[in-house]
Amino acid sequence: MSPLQAFIEAHPRLFVLTGAGCSTASGIPDYRDRDGQWKRTPPVTFAAFMQEAHTRQRYWARSLVGWRRFGHTQPNATHRALVGLERQGRIELLVTQNVDGLHQRAGNTGVVDLHGRLDTVRCMACDWRESRHAFQHALVERNPAWRDLDATDAPDGDADLEHQDFARFDVPSCPQCGGIVKPDVVFFGENVPRQRVAAAMEACLNADAMLVVGSSLMVYSGYRFAHAAAQAGRPVAAVTLGRTRADALLALKVDAPCEQAFGFLLEDADLASVT
């Protein structure tokens, strides 16, 4: 029995927190290297998106290209393993820092999307909402010259469009009030809604242990749960590549790709049928 398997067996009610490393096997790039440092320019900030028209043009142009693949990504073995754990009644709550919706697509039902979901857009003035797929049609309709552009995938539906002039990119406004339309995700510099944090923290403290999957915990919105769990005497295990912000708090560290570390779960006869 592996140390990870023994940890799961010893703690029947797990608070699970997932990050970008959970979805890399689905083809979604992550943000950080093994030392927890940025691999690329940090993501757009909330202030820049809201205050600067050229930042919104650049964001949505890159998103138009990136969404073509991101919007059709599929769950991988790690997602399926976590579905199996939930079906066995071993997950108190699954909280994800990812915005890809892959846990729900795989079959998890008890999920808190800590940073929101990229498959919905919303107006920042009147709270009008629409699916990202529908908004993609509006983006392409207004910017037909961008329809066939392609670029390397970047994290969270972004694309590395270089040397492009974004000045003429036409960003749709809210059809109800003319306000700024933004993905329904928490940008850097924006606060996570309090009710999400409260629900996650309650589950964290009610669980027997915390399991971190594919996160460096460098962002405080995730690290706070590991800190709270450790303070409350709950053991914390992490499955991730490289350093985490919570290394000093961990009872178990598995430095391996998530899908490899959780392979034993999909070999279990009870989980083999999870698709």
C-alpha atoms as a PDB file:
ATOM      1  CA  MET A   1       0.000   0.000   0.000  1.00  0.00           C
ATOM      2  CA  SER A   2       1.375   3.395  -0.985  1.00  0.00           C
ATOM      3  CA  PRO A   3       1.655   6.223   1.578  1.00  0.00           C
ATOM      4  CA  LEU A   4      -1.108   8.093  -0.265  1.00  0.00           C
ATOM      5  CA  GLN A   5      -3.394   5.084  -0.212  1.00  0.00           C
ATOM      6  CA  ALA A   6      -2.699   4.606   3.498  1.00  0.00           C
ATOM      7  CA  PHE A   7      -3.482   8.296   4.154  1.00  0.00           C
ATOM      8  CA  ILE A   8      -6.817   8.016   2.359  1.00  0.00           C
ATOM      9  CA  GLU A   9      -7.695   4.775   4.136  1.00  0.00           C
ATOM     10  CA  ALA A  10      -6.872   6.317   7.527  1.00  0.00           C
ATOM     11  CA  HIS A  11      -9.058   9.412   6.992  1.00  0.00           C
ATOM     12  CA  PRO A  12     -12.516   8.489   5.709  1.00  0.00           C
ATOM     13  CA  ARG A  13     -13.801  12.085   5.397  1.00  0.00           C
ATOM     14  CA  LEU A  14     -11.470  14.178   3.268  1.00  0.00           C
ATOM     15  CA  PHE A  15     -11.557  17.866   2.470  1.00  0.00           C
ATOM     16  CA  VAL A  16     -10.098  17.976  -1.052  1.00  0.00           C
ATOM     17  CA  LEU A  17      -8.584  21.090  -2.613  1.00  0.00           C
ATOM     18  CA  THR A  18      -7.527  20.896  -6.265  1.00  0.00           C
ATOM     19  CA  GLY A  19      -5.415  23.147  -8.457  1.00  0.00           C
ATOM     20  CA  ALA A  20      -4.012  23.437 -11.958  1.00  0.00           C
ATOM     21  CA  GLY A  21      -1.940  20.255 -11.722  1.00  0.00           C
ATOM     22  CA  CYS A  22      -5.180  18.296 -11.608  1.00  0.00           C
ATOM     23  CA  SER A  23      -6.037  19.407 -15.156  1.00  0.00           C
ATOM     24  CA  THR A  24      -2.683  19.446 -16.971  1.00  0.00           C
ATOM     25  CA  ALA A  25      -3.270  15.893 -18.237  1.00  0.00           C
ATOM     26  CA  SER A  26      -6.406  17.258 -19.941  1.00  0.00           C
ATOM     27  CA  GLY A  27      -4.197  19.593 -21.969  1.00  0.00           C
ATOM     28  CA  ILE A  28      -4.659  22.750 -19.886  1.00  0.00           C
ATOM     29  CA  PRO A  29      -1.287  24.371 -19.096  1.00  0.00           C
ATOM     30  CA  ASP A  30      -0.471  25.360 -15.527  1.00  0.00           C
ATOM     31  CA  TYR A  31       0.922  28.664 -14.266  1.00  0.00           C
ATOM     32  CA  ARG A  32       3.889  27.775 -12.077  1.00  0.00           C
ATOM     33  CA  ASP A  33       7.143  25.815 -12.194  1.00  0.00           C
ATOM     34  CA  ARG A  34       8.425  23.284  -9.652  1.00  0.00           C
ATOM     35  CA  ASP A  35       9.651  26.100  -7.419  1.00  0.00           C
ATOM     36  CA  GLY A  36       6.257  27.794  -7.379  1.00  0.00           C
ATOM     37  CA  GLN A  37       7.376  30.662  -9.607  1.00  0.00           C
ATOM     38  CA  TRP A  38       5.449  32.010 -12.580  1.00  0.00           C
ATOM     39  CA  LYS A  39       6.250  30.307 -15.891  1.00  0.00           C
ATOM     40  CA  ARG A  40       4.895  33.309 -17.794  1.00  0.00           C
ATOM     41  CA  THR A  41       3.586  36.802 -17.254  1.00  0.00           C
ATOM     42  CA  PRO A  42       1.083  36.718 -14.358  1.00  0.00           C
ATOM     43  CA  PRO A  43      -2.604  36.730 -15.342  1.00  0.00           C
ATOM     44  CA  VAL A  44      -4.554  39.934 -15.925  1.00  0.00           C
ATOM     45  CA  THR A  45      -5.606  41.751 -12.770  1.00  0.00           C
ATOM     46  CA  PHE A  46      -9.158  42.733 -11.902  1.00  0.00           C
ATOM     47  CA  ALA A  47      -8.242  46.432 -11.764  1.00  0.00           C
ATOM     48  CA  ALA A  48      -6.626  46.416 -15.200  1.00  0.00           C
ATOM     49  CA  PHE A  49      -9.536  44.543 -16.780  1.00  0.00           C
ATOM     50  CA  MET A  50     -12.127  46.903 -15.339  1.00  0.00           C
ATOM     51  CA  GLN A  51     -10.243  50.149 -15.918  1.00  0.00           C
ATOM     52  CA  GLU A  52      -8.482  49.681 -19.255  1.00  0.00           C
ATOM     53  CA  ALA A  53     -10.312  49.107 -22.542  1.00  0.00           C
ATOM     54  CA  HIS A  54      -7.118  47.900 -24.250  1.00  0.00           C
ATOM     55  CA  THR A  55      -6.671  45.238 -21.528  1.00  0.00           C
ATOM     56  CA  ARG A  56     -10.195  43.962 -22.187  1.00  0.00           C
ATOM     57  CA  GLN A  57      -9.502  43.916 -25.932  1.00  0.00           C
ATOM     58  CA  ARG A  58      -6.315  41.919 -25.433  1.00  0.00           C
ATOM     59  CA  TYR A  59      -7.984  39.543 -22.976  1.00  0.00           C
ATOM     60  CA  TRP A  60     -10.984  38.747 -25.148  1.00  0.00           C
ATOM     61  CA  ALA A  61      -8.962  38.445 -28.361  1.00  0.00           C
ATOM     62  CA  ARG A  62      -6.706  35.868 -26.753  1.00  0.00           C
ATOM     63  CA  SER A  63      -9.717  34.169 -25.179  1.00  0.00           C
ATOM     64  CA  LEU A  64     -11.495  33.936 -28.544  1.00  0.00           C
ATOM     65  CA  VAL A  65      -8.604  31.824 -29.825  1.00  0.00           C
ATOM     66  CA  GLY A  66      -7.984  29.860 -26.624  1.00  0.00           C
ATOM     67  CA  TRP A  67     -11.629  28.975 -25.989  1.00  0.00           C
ATOM     68  CA  ARG A  68     -11.844  26.877 -29.152  1.00  0.00           C
ATOM     69  CA  ARG A  69      -9.900  24.119 -27.368  1.00  0.00           C
ATOM     70  CA  PHE A  70     -10.392  24.984 -23.696  1.00  0.00           C
ATOM     71  CA  GLY A  71     -14.169  24.884 -24.062  1.00  0.00           C
ATOM     72  CA  HIS A  72     -14.002  21.259 -25.199  1.00  0.00           C
ATOM     73  CA  THR A  73     -11.430  19.786 -22.803  1.00  0.00           C
ATOM     74  CA  GLN A  74     -12.288  16.484 -21.164  1.00  0.00           C
ATOM     75  CA  PRO A  75     -11.681  15.096 -17.645  1.00  0.00           C
ATOM     76  CA  ASN A  76      -8.631  12.934 -17.081  1.00  0.00           C
ATOM     77  CA  ALA A  77      -7.765  10.019 -14.781  1.00  0.00           C
ATOM     78  CA  THR A  78      -7.326  12.270 -11.740  1.00  0.00           C
ATOM     79  CA  HIS A  79     -10.836  13.667 -12.123  1.00  0.00           C
ATOM     80  CA  ARG A  80     -12.215  10.137 -12.462  1.00  0.00           C
ATOM     81  CA  ALA A  81     -10.345   8.992  -9.355  1.00  0.00           C
ATOM     82  CA  LEU A  82     -11.857  11.839  -7.336  1.00  0.00           C
ATOM     83  CA  VAL A  83     -15.321  10.945  -8.606  1.00  0.00           C
ATOM     84  CA  GLY A  84     -14.689   7.454  -7.279  1.00  0.00           C
ATOM     85  CA  LEU A  85     -13.729   8.778  -3.862  1.00  0.00           C
ATOM     86  CA  GLU A  86     -16.904  10.850  -3.737  1.00  0.00           C
ATOM     87  CA  ARG A  87     -19.047   7.850  -4.672  1.00  0.00           C
ATOM     88  CA  GLN A  88     -17.455   5.924  -1.832  1.00  0.00           C
ATOM     89  CA  GLY A  89     -18.530   8.694   0.537  1.00  0.00           C
ATOM     90  CA  ARG A  90     -14.942   9.671   1.340  1.00  0.00           C
ATOM     91  CA  ILE A  91     -15.085  13.348   0.330  1.00  0.00           C
ATOM     92  CA  GLU A  92     -16.567  15.879   2.744  1.00  0.00           C
ATOM     93  CA  LEU A  93     -16.305  18.553   0.057  1.00  0.00           C
ATOM     94  CA  LEU A  94     -14.219  19.125  -3.057  1.00  0.00           C
ATOM     95  CA  VAL A  95     -13.043  22.714  -3.462  1.00  0.00           C
ATOM     96  CA  THR A  96     -11.289  23.589  -6.695  1.00  0.00           C
ATOM     97  CA  GLN A  97      -9.158  26.568  -7.614  1.00  0.00           C
ATOM     98  CA  ASN A  98      -9.631  25.601 -11.261  1.00  0.00           C
ATOM     99  CA  VAL A  99     -12.180  27.330 -13.470  1.00  0.00           C
ATOM    100  CA  ASP A 100     -12.568  24.582 -16.068  1.00  0.00           C
ATOM    101  CA  GLY A 101     -15.607  22.721 -14.697  1.00  0.00           C
ATOM    102  CA  LEU A 102     -13.909  19.360 -15.300  1.00  0.00           C
ATOM    103  CA  HIS A 103     -14.764  17.953 -11.865  1.00  0.00           C
ATOM    104  CA  GLN A 104     -18.469  18.386 -12.572  1.00  0.00           C
ATOM    105  CA  ARG A 105     -18.066  17.065 -16.111  1.00  0.00           C
ATOM    106  CA  ALA A 106     -16.388  13.960 -14.693  1.00  0.00           C
ATOM    107  CA  GLY A 107     -19.273  13.386 -12.276  1.00  0.00           C
ATOM    108  CA  ASN A 108     -18.417  15.054  -8.960  1.00  0.00           C
ATOM    109  CA  THR A 109     -21.485  16.677  -7.415  1.00  0.00           C
ATOM    110  CA  GLY A 110     -20.199  18.225  -4.172  1.00  0.00           C
ATOM    111  CA  VAL A 111     -17.959  20.895  -5.673  1.00  0.00           C
ATOM    112  CA  VAL A 112     -17.242  24.502  -4.697  1.00  0.00           C
ATOM    113  CA  ASP A 113     -15.713  26.465  -7.590  1.00  0.00           C
ATOM    114  CA  LEU A 114     -13.623  28.753  -5.400  1.00  0.00           C
ATOM    115  CA  HIS A 115     -12.556  30.999  -8.282  1.00  0.00           C
ATOM    116  CA  GLY A 116     -15.716  30.635 -10.365  1.00  0.00           C
ATOM    117  CA  ARG A 117     -16.261  29.050 -13.783  1.00  0.00           C
ATOM    118  CA  LEU A 118     -14.962  30.162 -17.156  1.00  0.00           C
ATOM    119  CA  ASP A 119     -17.963  28.709 -19.000  1.00  0.00           C
ATOM    120  CA  THR A 120     -20.148  31.661 -17.920  1.00  0.00           C
ATOM    121  CA  VAL A 121     -19.794  35.409 -18.492  1.00  0.00           C
ATOM    122  CA  ARG A 122     -21.491  38.131 -16.501  1.00  0.00           C
ATOM    123  CA  CYS A 123     -22.119  41.863 -16.634  1.00  0.00           C
ATOM    124  CA  MET A 124     -20.326  43.710 -13.868  1.00  0.00           C
ATOM    125  CA  ALA A 125     -23.111  46.324 -13.720  1.00  0.00           C
ATOM    126  CA  CYS A 126     -26.439  44.465 -13.874  1.00  0.00           C
ATOM    127  CA  ASP A 127     -25.297  40.843 -13.353  1.00  0.00           C
ATOM    128  CA  TRP A 128     -26.688  39.650 -16.713  1.00  0.00           C
ATOM    129  CA  ARG A 129     -25.237  36.227 -17.482  1.00  0.00           C
ATOM    130  CA  GLU A 130     -24.678  34.129 -20.575  1.00  0.00           C
ATOM    131  CA  SER A 131     -22.831  30.945 -21.470  1.00  0.00           C
ATOM    132  CA  ARG A 132     -19.272  31.375 -22.676  1.00  0.00           C
ATOM    133  CA  HIS A 133     -20.132  29.344 -25.783  1.00  0.00           C
ATOM    134  CA  ALA A 134     -22.817  31.877 -26.725  1.00  0.00           C
ATOM    135  CA  PHE A 135     -20.442  34.757 -26.007  1.00  0.00           C
ATOM    136  CA  GLN A 136     -17.895  33.120 -28.299  1.00  0.00           C
ATOM    137  CA  HIS A 137     -20.351  33.459 -31.178  1.00  0.00           C
ATOM    138  CA  ALA A 138     -20.708  37.171 -30.425  1.00  0.00           C
ATOM    139  CA  LEU A 139     -16.935  37.630 -30.306  1.00  0.00           C
ATOM    140  CA  VAL A 140     -16.432  35.889 -33.654  1.00  0.00           C
ATOM    141  CA  GLU A 141     -19.358  37.694 -35.269  1.00  0.00           C
ATOM    142  CA  ARG A 142     -17.873  41.064 -34.349  1.00  0.00           C
ATOM    143  CA  ASN A 143     -14.294  40.057 -35.178  1.00  0.00           C
ATOM    144  CA  PRO A 144     -14.399  37.730 -38.202  1.00  0.00           C
ATOM    145  CA  ALA A 145     -10.730  38.361 -39.048  1.00  0.00           C
ATOM    146  CA  TRP A 146      -9.774  36.583 -35.818  1.00  0.00           C
ATOM    147  CA  ARG A 147     -11.829  33.474 -36.599  1.00  0.00           C
ATOM    148  CA  ASP A 148      -8.997  31.433 -38.105  1.00  0.00           C
ATOM    149  CA  LEU A 149      -6.075  32.684 -36.019  1.00  0.00           C
ATOM    150  CA  ASP A 150      -4.349  30.038 -33.948  1.00  0.00           C
ATOM    151  CA  ALA A 151      -1.803  30.172 -31.133  1.00  0.00           C
ATOM    152  CA  THR A 152      -0.241  28.096 -28.380  1.00  0.00           C
ATOM    153  CA  ASP A 153      -2.573  27.340 -25.487  1.00  0.00           C
ATOM    154  CA  ALA A 154      -1.994  29.240 -22.248  1.00  0.00           C
ATOM    155  CA  PRO A 155      -3.610  28.577 -18.842  1.00  0.00           C
ATOM    156  CA  ASP A 156      -7.359  28.953 -18.358  1.00  0.00           C
ATOM    157  CA  GLY A 157      -8.490  29.410 -21.935  1.00  0.00           C
ATOM    158  CA  ASP A 158      -5.882  32.003 -22.824  1.00  0.00           C
ATOM    159  CA  ALA A 159      -3.710  31.850 -25.958  1.00  0.00           C
ATOM    160  CA  ASP A 160      -0.238  33.236 -26.588  1.00  0.00           C
ATOM    161  CA  LEU A 161      -1.051  35.683 -29.362  1.00  0.00           C
ATOM    162  CA  GLU A 162       2.101  37.669 -30.011  1.00  0.00           C
ATOM    163  CA  HIS A 163       2.671  40.738 -32.174  1.00  0.00           C
ATOM    164  CA  GLN A 164      -1.042  41.308 -32.752  1.00  0.00           C
ATOM    165  CA  ASP A 165      -2.741  44.692 -32.848  1.00  0.00           C
ATOM    166  CA  PHE A 166      -5.671  44.480 -30.458  1.00  0.00           C
ATOM    167  CA  ALA A 167      -6.746  48.119 -30.937  1.00  0.00           C
ATOM    168  CA  ARG A 168      -9.574  47.289 -33.341  1.00  0.00           C
ATOM    169  CA  PHE A 169     -10.838  44.211 -31.535  1.00  0.00           C
ATOM    170  CA  ASP A 170     -14.543  44.785 -30.861  1.00  0.00           C
ATOM    171  CA  VAL A 171     -15.552  43.602 -27.377  1.00  0.00           C
ATOM    172  CA  PRO A 172     -19.317  43.088 -26.921  1.00  0.00           C
ATOM    173  CA  SER A 173     -20.927  45.021 -24.105  1.00  0.00           C
ATOM    174  CA  CYS A 174     -23.776  43.757 -21.961  1.00  0.00           C
ATOM    175  CA  PRO A 175     -26.886  43.557 -24.209  1.00  0.00           C
ATOM    176  CA  GLN A 176     -29.099  44.683 -21.320  1.00  0.00           C
ATOM    177  CA  CYS A 177     -27.304  47.687 -19.896  1.00  0.00           C
ATOM    178  CA  GLY A 178     -24.138  48.249 -21.927  1.00  0.00           C
ATOM    179  CA  GLY A 179     -21.884  47.347 -18.999  1.00  0.00           C
ATOM    180  CA  ILE A 180     -18.542  45.541 -18.976  1.00  0.00           C
ATOM    181  CA  VAL A 181     -18.776  41.791 -19.569  1.00  0.00           C
ATOM    182  CA  LYS A 182     -16.274  39.670 -17.667  1.00  0.00           C
ATOM    183  CA  PRO A 183     -15.761  35.916 -17.274  1.00  0.00           C
ATOM    184  CA  ASP A 184     -17.496  34.712 -14.124  1.00  0.00           C
ATOM    185  CA  VAL A 185     -14.155  33.956 -12.478  1.00  0.00           C
ATOM    186  CA  VAL A 186     -12.145  35.620  -9.730  1.00  0.00           C
ATOM    187  CA  PHE A 187      -9.280  37.609 -11.247  1.00  0.00           C
ATOM    188  CA  PHE A 188      -6.093  38.469  -9.379  1.00  0.00           C
ATOM    189  CA  GLY A 189      -6.854  41.362  -7.042  1.00  0.00           C
ATOM    190  CA  GLU A 190     -10.529  40.388  -6.804  1.00  0.00           C
ATOM    191  CA  ASN A 191     -12.032  38.861  -3.661  1.00  0.00           C
ATOM    192  CA  VAL A 192     -13.405  35.334  -3.531  1.00  0.00           C
ATOM    193  CA  PRO A 193     -17.116  35.569  -2.547  1.00  0.00           C
ATOM    194  CA  ARG A 194     -17.454  35.182   1.211  1.00  0.00           C
ATOM    195  CA  GLN A 195     -20.092  32.460   1.059  1.00  0.00           C
ATOM    196  CA  ARG A 196     -17.751  30.204  -0.929  1.00  0.00           C
ATOM    197  CA  VAL A 197     -14.950  30.686   1.567  1.00  0.00           C
ATOM    198  CA  ALA A 198     -17.312  30.081   4.500  1.00  0.00           C
ATOM    199  CA  ALA A 199     -18.725  26.862   3.018  1.00  0.00           C
ATOM    200  CA  ALA A 200     -15.247  25.590   2.211  1.00  0.00           C
ATOM    201  CA  MET A 201     -13.843  26.461   5.628  1.00  0.00           C
ATOM    202  CA  GLU A 202     -16.707  24.731   7.424  1.00  0.00           C
ATOM    203  CA  ALA A 203     -16.093  21.554   5.430  1.00  0.00           C
ATOM    204  CA  CYS A 204     -12.345  21.833   5.990  1.00  0.00           C
ATOM    205  CA  LEU A 205     -12.788  21.880   9.757  1.00  0.00           C
ATOM    206  CA  ASN A 206     -15.446  19.134   9.731  1.00  0.00           C
ATOM    207  CA  ALA A 207     -13.247  16.729   7.759  1.00  0.00           C
ATOM    208  CA  ASP A 208     -10.789  14.215   9.188  1.00  0.00           C
ATOM    209  CA  ALA A 209      -7.962  15.432   6.959  1.00  0.00           C
ATOM    210  CA  MET A 210      -7.157  17.643   3.982  1.00  0.00           C
ATOM    211  CA  LEU A 211      -5.932  16.380   0.620  1.00  0.00           C
ATOM    212  CA  VAL A 212      -4.338  18.884  -1.777  1.00  0.00           C
ATOM    213  CA  VAL A 213      -4.289  17.761  -5.414  1.00  0.00           C
ATOM    214  CA  GLY A 214      -2.190  19.598  -7.987  1.00  0.00           C
ATOM    215  CA  SER A 215      -1.766  22.930  -6.218  1.00  0.00           C
ATOM    216  CA  SER A 216       1.318  24.792  -5.051  1.00  0.00           C
ATOM    217  CA  LEU A 217      -0.932  26.756  -2.646  1.00  0.00           C
ATOM    218  CA  MET A 218       1.035  29.893  -3.535  1.00  0.00           C
ATOM    219  CA  VAL A 219      -2.200  31.865  -3.743  1.00  0.00           C
ATOM    220  CA  TYR A 220      -3.630  32.712  -0.318  1.00  0.00           C
ATOM    221  CA  SER A 221      -7.176  31.746  -1.327  1.00  0.00           C
ATOM    222  CA  GLY A 222      -6.053  28.106  -1.283  1.00  0.00           C
ATOM    223  CA  TYR A 223      -3.273  28.246   1.294  1.00  0.00           C
ATOM    224  CA  ARG A 224      -5.651  29.527   3.988  1.00  0.00           C
ATOM    225  CA  PHE A 225      -7.392  26.135   4.133  1.00  0.00           C
ATOM    226  CA  ALA A 226      -4.150  24.204   4.630  1.00  0.00           C
ATOM    227  CA  HIS A 227      -3.171  26.632   7.366  1.00  0.00           C
ATOM    228  CA  ALA A 228      -6.582  26.330   9.053  1.00  0.00           C
ATOM    229  CA  ALA A 229      -6.537  22.533   8.822  1.00  0.00           C
ATOM    230  CA  ALA A 230      -3.068  22.330  10.363  1.00  0.00           C
ATOM    231  CA  GLN A 231      -4.025  24.770  13.126  1.00  0.00           C
ATOM    232  CA  ALA A 232      -7.040  22.597  13.929  1.00  0.00           C
ATOM    233  CA  GLY A 233      -4.908  19.460  14.134  1.00  0.00           C
ATOM    234  CA  ARG A 234      -6.114  17.983  10.837  1.00  0.00           C
ATOM    235  CA  PRO A 235      -3.333  16.261   8.860  1.00  0.00           C
ATOM    236  CA  VAL A 236      -2.685  17.688   5.404  1.00  0.00           C
ATOM    237  CA  ALA A 237      -1.393  15.648   2.450  1.00  0.00           C
ATOM    238  CA  ALA A 238      -0.390  17.100  -0.924  1.00  0.00           C
ATOM    239  CA  VAL A 239       0.004  15.474  -4.316  1.00  0.00           C
ATOM    240  CA  THR A 240       1.781  17.952  -6.561  1.00  0.00           C
ATOM    241  CA  LEU A 241       4.975  18.575  -8.490  1.00  0.00           C
ATOM    242  CA  GLY A 242       7.557  20.640  -6.655  1.00  0.00           C
ATOM    243  CA  ARG A 243       7.390  23.058  -3.778  1.00  0.00           C
ATOM    244  CA  THR A 244       4.222  24.244  -2.072  1.00  0.00           C
ATOM    245  CA  ARG A 245       3.677  27.198   0.198  1.00  0.00           C
ATOM    246  CA  ALA A 246       2.484  24.761   2.873  1.00  0.00           C
ATOM    247  CA  ASP A 247       5.408  22.315   2.817  1.00  0.00           C
ATOM    248  CA  ALA A 248       6.122  22.924   6.511  1.00  0.00           C
ATOM    249  CA  LEU A 249       2.534  21.982   7.387  1.00  0.00           C
ATOM    250  CA  LEU A 250       2.304  18.732   5.435  1.00  0.00           C
ATOM    251  CA  ALA A 251       1.967  15.306   7.009  1.00  0.00           C
ATOM    252  CA  LEU A 252       2.530  13.710   3.581  1.00  0.00           C
ATOM    253  CA  LYS A 253       3.990  15.027   0.330  1.00  0.00           C
ATOM    254  CA  VAL A 254       3.752  13.043  -2.919  1.00  0.00           C
ATOM    255  CA  ASP A 255       5.903  14.672  -5.603  1.00  0.00           C
ATOM    256  CA  ALA A 256       4.441  13.063  -8.708  1.00  0.00           C
ATOM    257  CA  PRO A 257       1.958  13.781 -11.509  1.00  0.00           C
ATOM    258  CA  CYS A 258      -1.547  13.547 -10.097  1.00  0.00           C
ATOM    259  CA  GLU A 259      -2.777  10.920 -12.553  1.00  0.00           C
ATOM    260  CA  GLN A 260       0.189   8.717 -11.629  1.00  0.00           C
ATOM    261  CA  ALA A 261      -0.242   9.135  -7.882  1.00  0.00           C
ATOM    262  CA  PHE A 262      -3.946   8.275  -7.999  1.00  0.00           C
ATOM    263  CA  GLY A 263      -3.555   5.329 -10.349  1.00  0.00           C
ATOM    264  CA  PHE A 264      -4.299   2.857  -7.550  1.00  0.00           C
ATOM    265  CA  LEU A 265      -7.817   4.254  -7.237  1.00  0.00           C
ATOM    266  CA  LEU A 266      -8.700   3.438 -10.833  1.00  0.00           C
ATOM    267  CA  GLU A 267      -7.336  -0.079 -10.361  1.00  0.00           C
ATOM    268  CA  ASP A 268      -9.840  -0.596  -7.559  1.00  0.00           C
ATOM    269  CA  ALA A 269     -12.689  -2.798  -8.734  1.00  0.00           C
ATOM    270  CA  ASP A 270     -15.233  -0.418  -7.208  1.00  0.00           C
ATOM    271  CA  LEU A 271     -13.866   2.497  -9.231  1.00  0.00           C
ATOM    272  CA  ALA A 272     -13.040   0.841 -12.515  1.00  0.00           C
ATOM    273  CA  SER A 273     -16.478   1.710 -13.921  1.00  0.00           C
ATOM    274  CA  VAL A 274     -16.155   5.443 -13.211  1.00  0.00           C
ATOM    275  CA  THR A 275     -16.072   7.289 -16.547  1.00  0.00           C
END
